[in-house]
Amino acid sequence: MLIRLVFMAALAALPCAVCATMAVKLDLAGLSDHSALVVIAKLDSKVAKWDAAKTGIWTHHSLTVSETLKGEHAASREFVTRGGVVGDRGQHVSGSGTFDIGTEYVFFLWKDDDGRFQLTGMVQGAFTLSDDNGVRRAKNSFSGLSIVDAATLKPAADKAPLSYALADLKQAVAARVKVAKEQE
């Protein structure tokens, strides 16, 4: 009993970063370059499902796309995140993010080997849209992520989420798309 209490106390004393998923901080250029698809979309629904082997849970997010900034346009899309709750079983994956139905986002998405879209950089690839004194703004989050520097893999000095006027974000993504096409 004493050993269990000491172990639990030691776990409680560990820094929060131990509970987080480690990820390299991506700037807007990195998010754009590593994404097959960038869309402005409203989240319509989400449902958690077991994978085929019933070893993991994936949450499927359905979107209505209002604008495609990179990739092929479609009126609706789906992306998946690791984790969720199916029946009385749940799986939590730090950094996967939680998204509100009815909210509009800018999503940076990559396509996995199974043909599913996932968030680039985990939750970093989702920018919540809001209005700030008449200016549409987009801001991402690092919730559940322990952000590290790409070169050193040590904690990143700048841990502030990215925040842009939506017009500036769209312009920056368009510039990255143009550069990529010129390099083809």
Protein backbone atom coordinates (compact mmCIF):
# COMPACT_ATOMS: atom_id res chain seq x y z
CA MET A 1 0.00 0.00 0.00
CA LEU A 2 2.80 2.41 0.92
CA ILE A 3 4.62 1.67 -2.36
CA ARG A 4 1.46 2.44 -4.33
CA LEU A 5 1.01 5.76 -2.48
CA VAL A 6 4.64 6.72 -3.11
CA PHE A 7 4.27 5.80 -6.80
CA MET A 8 1.04 7.84 -7.12
CA ALA A 9 2.68 10.82 -5.39
CA ALA A 10 5.65 10.59 -7.76
CA LEU A 11 3.33 10.52 -10.77
CA ALA A 12 1.45 13.55 -9.51
CA ALA A 13 4.72 15.44 -9.13
CA LEU A 14 5.77 14.87 -12.75
CA PRO A 15 5.54 17.88 -15.04
CA CYS A 16 2.47 18.24 -17.23
CA ALA A 17 4.61 17.75 -20.36
CA VAL A 18 4.77 14.03 -19.49
CA CYS A 19 1.01 13.88 -20.08
CA ALA A 20 1.23 15.75 -23.37
CA THR A 21 2.05 14.52 -26.85
CA MET A 22 5.35 15.88 -28.11
CA ALA A 23 5.14 17.80 -31.40
CA VAL A 24 7.36 20.10 -33.40
CA LYS A 25 5.93 23.60 -33.57
CA LEU A 26 4.83 24.32 -37.14
CA ASP A 27 4.66 27.84 -38.52
CA LEU A 28 2.12 28.78 -41.18
CA ALA A 29 4.54 27.89 -44.00
CA GLY A 30 5.16 24.46 -42.46
CA LEU A 31 1.47 23.81 -41.96
CA SER A 32 0.76 24.81 -45.58
CA ASP A 33 3.66 22.84 -47.06
CA HIS A 34 2.81 19.63 -45.19
CA SER A 35 -0.92 19.75 -45.95
CA ALA A 36 -2.62 18.20 -48.94
CA LEU A 37 -5.77 20.17 -48.20
CA VAL A 38 -6.51 23.51 -46.48
CA VAL A 39 -10.16 24.45 -46.06
CA ILE A 40 -12.38 26.94 -44.33
CA ALA A 41 -15.24 24.84 -43.02
CA LYS A 42 -17.96 24.53 -40.42
CA LEU A 43 -18.02 21.40 -38.28
CA ASP A 44 -21.38 19.69 -38.85
CA SER A 45 -21.04 16.51 -36.81
CA LYS A 46 -18.63 14.16 -35.15
CA VAL A 47 -18.93 10.49 -34.30
CA ALA A 48 -16.44 8.14 -32.68
CA LYS A 49 -15.94 4.67 -34.15
CA TRP A 50 -13.70 1.70 -33.52
CA ASP A 51 -11.09 0.94 -36.16
CA ALA A 52 -11.51 -2.35 -38.08
CA ALA A 53 -9.35 -4.31 -35.62
CA LYS A 54 -11.15 -2.78 -32.61
CA THR A 55 -7.81 -1.69 -31.19
CA GLY A 56 -8.33 2.05 -31.40
CA ILE A 57 -11.06 4.67 -31.55
CA TRP A 58 -11.17 7.39 -34.20
CA THR A 59 -13.49 10.40 -34.18
CA HIS A 60 -14.86 11.22 -37.64
CA HIS A 61 -15.60 14.93 -38.17
CA SER A 62 -17.95 15.97 -41.00
CA LEU A 63 -17.46 19.42 -42.51
CA THR A 64 -19.28 21.81 -44.79
CA VAL A 65 -16.56 23.55 -46.78
CA SER A 66 -17.07 27.23 -47.62
CA GLU A 67 -13.66 27.77 -49.22
CA THR A 68 -10.70 25.65 -50.27
CA LEU A 69 -7.32 27.35 -49.94
CA LYS A 70 -5.23 24.38 -51.06
CA GLY A 71 -6.18 21.13 -52.76
CA GLU A 72 -9.25 19.98 -54.63
CA HIS A 73 -12.50 21.66 -53.62
CA ALA A 74 -15.49 19.65 -52.39
CA ALA A 75 -18.61 20.95 -50.67
CA SER A 76 -18.16 18.51 -47.80
CA ARG A 77 -15.20 16.73 -46.28
CA GLU A 78 -14.35 14.45 -43.40
CA PHE A 79 -11.26 14.21 -41.24
CA VAL A 80 -10.39 11.93 -38.36
CA THR A 81 -8.68 12.39 -35.03
CA ARG A 82 -7.39 9.70 -32.73
CA GLY A 83 -9.52 9.01 -29.66
CA GLY A 84 -13.13 9.35 -28.63
CA VAL A 85 -15.85 7.47 -26.80
CA VAL A 86 -17.78 4.49 -28.18
CA GLY A 87 -20.39 3.13 -25.81
CA ASP A 88 -18.76 2.81 -22.41
CA ARG A 89 -15.20 2.71 -23.81
CA GLY A 90 -13.10 5.80 -24.27
CA GLN A 91 -9.67 6.60 -25.58
CA HIS A 92 -7.92 9.94 -25.00
CA VAL A 93 -5.01 11.10 -27.15
CA SER A 94 -3.42 14.34 -25.96
CA GLY A 95 -3.09 16.88 -28.76
CA SER A 96 -5.90 15.46 -30.92
CA GLY A 97 -8.09 18.43 -30.08
CA THR A 98 -11.77 18.83 -29.40
CA PHE A 99 -13.95 20.67 -31.86
CA ASP A 100 -17.36 22.25 -31.44
CA ILE A 101 -20.21 21.45 -33.80
CA GLY A 102 -21.40 24.59 -35.58
CA THR A 103 -18.04 26.34 -35.23
CA GLU A 104 -16.08 27.50 -38.27
CA TYR A 105 -12.40 26.64 -38.59
CA VAL A 106 -9.49 26.70 -41.00
CA PHE A 107 -8.27 23.10 -41.21
CA PHE A 108 -4.82 22.07 -42.46
CA LEU A 109 -5.10 18.39 -43.41
CA TRP A 110 -2.79 15.64 -44.64
CA LYS A 111 -3.87 12.31 -46.13
CA ASP A 112 -2.73 9.12 -44.39
CA ASP A 113 -1.97 5.77 -46.02
CA ASP A 114 -5.61 4.72 -45.58
CA GLY A 115 -6.82 7.76 -47.55
CA ARG A 116 -8.19 9.57 -44.48
CA PHE A 117 -7.56 13.24 -43.83
CA GLN A 118 -5.97 14.08 -40.49
CA LEU A 119 -4.89 17.37 -38.92
CA THR A 120 -1.39 18.48 -39.86
CA GLY A 121 0.59 18.84 -36.65
CA MET A 122 -2.34 17.43 -34.67
CA VAL A 123 -4.36 20.25 -33.01
CA GLN A 124 -1.95 22.83 -34.47
CA GLY A 125 -3.67 22.26 -37.82
CA ALA A 126 -7.02 23.64 -36.67
CA PHE A 127 -7.56 27.40 -36.46
CA THR A 128 -10.74 28.59 -34.79
CA LEU A 129 -12.36 31.53 -36.59
CA SER A 130 -13.71 34.49 -34.65
CA ASP A 131 -14.60 38.14 -35.15
CA ASP A 132 -12.44 40.74 -33.44
CA ASN A 133 -13.77 44.30 -33.90
CA GLY A 134 -14.95 43.53 -37.43
CA VAL A 135 -11.82 41.57 -38.42
CA ARG A 136 -12.08 37.81 -39.00
CA ARG A 137 -9.27 36.14 -37.07
CA ALA A 138 -7.88 32.62 -37.08
CA LYS A 139 -6.07 31.18 -34.06
CA ASN A 140 -4.75 27.71 -33.43
CA SER A 141 -4.02 25.91 -30.18
CA PHE A 142 -1.36 23.67 -28.68
CA SER A 143 -3.76 22.09 -26.18
CA GLY A 144 -2.38 18.73 -25.10
CA LEU A 145 0.88 19.20 -26.99
CA SER A 146 4.36 19.62 -25.60
CA ILE A 147 5.90 21.87 -28.27
CA VAL A 148 9.55 21.26 -29.14
CA ASP A 149 12.11 22.94 -31.38
CA ALA A 150 12.58 21.05 -34.68
CA ALA A 151 16.40 21.23 -34.59
CA THR A 152 17.03 20.32 -30.95
CA LEU A 153 13.82 18.51 -29.90
CA LYS A 154 14.04 20.52 -26.68
CA PRO A 155 11.10 22.58 -25.43
CA ALA A 156 10.42 25.41 -27.85
CA ALA A 157 11.18 28.92 -26.63
CA ASP A 158 8.11 30.36 -28.37
CA LYS A 159 5.04 28.45 -27.22
CA ALA A 160 2.47 31.03 -28.29
CA PRO A 161 -0.26 29.76 -30.63
CA LEU A 162 -0.45 31.24 -34.11
CA SER A 163 -2.96 34.03 -34.65
CA TYR A 164 -3.69 35.82 -37.94
CA ALA A 165 -6.24 38.01 -39.58
CA LEU A 166 -8.04 35.53 -41.85
CA ALA A 167 -7.17 37.61 -44.92
CA ASP A 168 -3.45 37.40 -44.04
CA LEU A 169 -3.64 33.66 -43.43
CA LYS A 170 -5.35 33.12 -46.80
CA GLN A 171 -2.73 35.26 -48.54
CA ALA A 172 0.14 33.33 -46.89
CA VAL A 173 -1.33 29.94 -47.86
CA ALA A 174 -1.86 31.17 -51.45
CA ALA A 175 1.79 32.26 -51.59
CA ARG A 176 2.98 28.81 -50.39
CA VAL A 177 0.73 27.09 -52.95
CA LYS A 178 2.18 29.31 -55.69
CA VAL A 179 5.77 28.50 -54.65
CA ALA A 180 4.99 24.76 -54.61
CA LYS A 181 3.49 24.93 -58.14
CA GLU A 182 6.53 26.81 -59.43
CA GLN A 183 8.81 24.09 -58.05
CA GLU A 184 6.90 21.27 -59.79
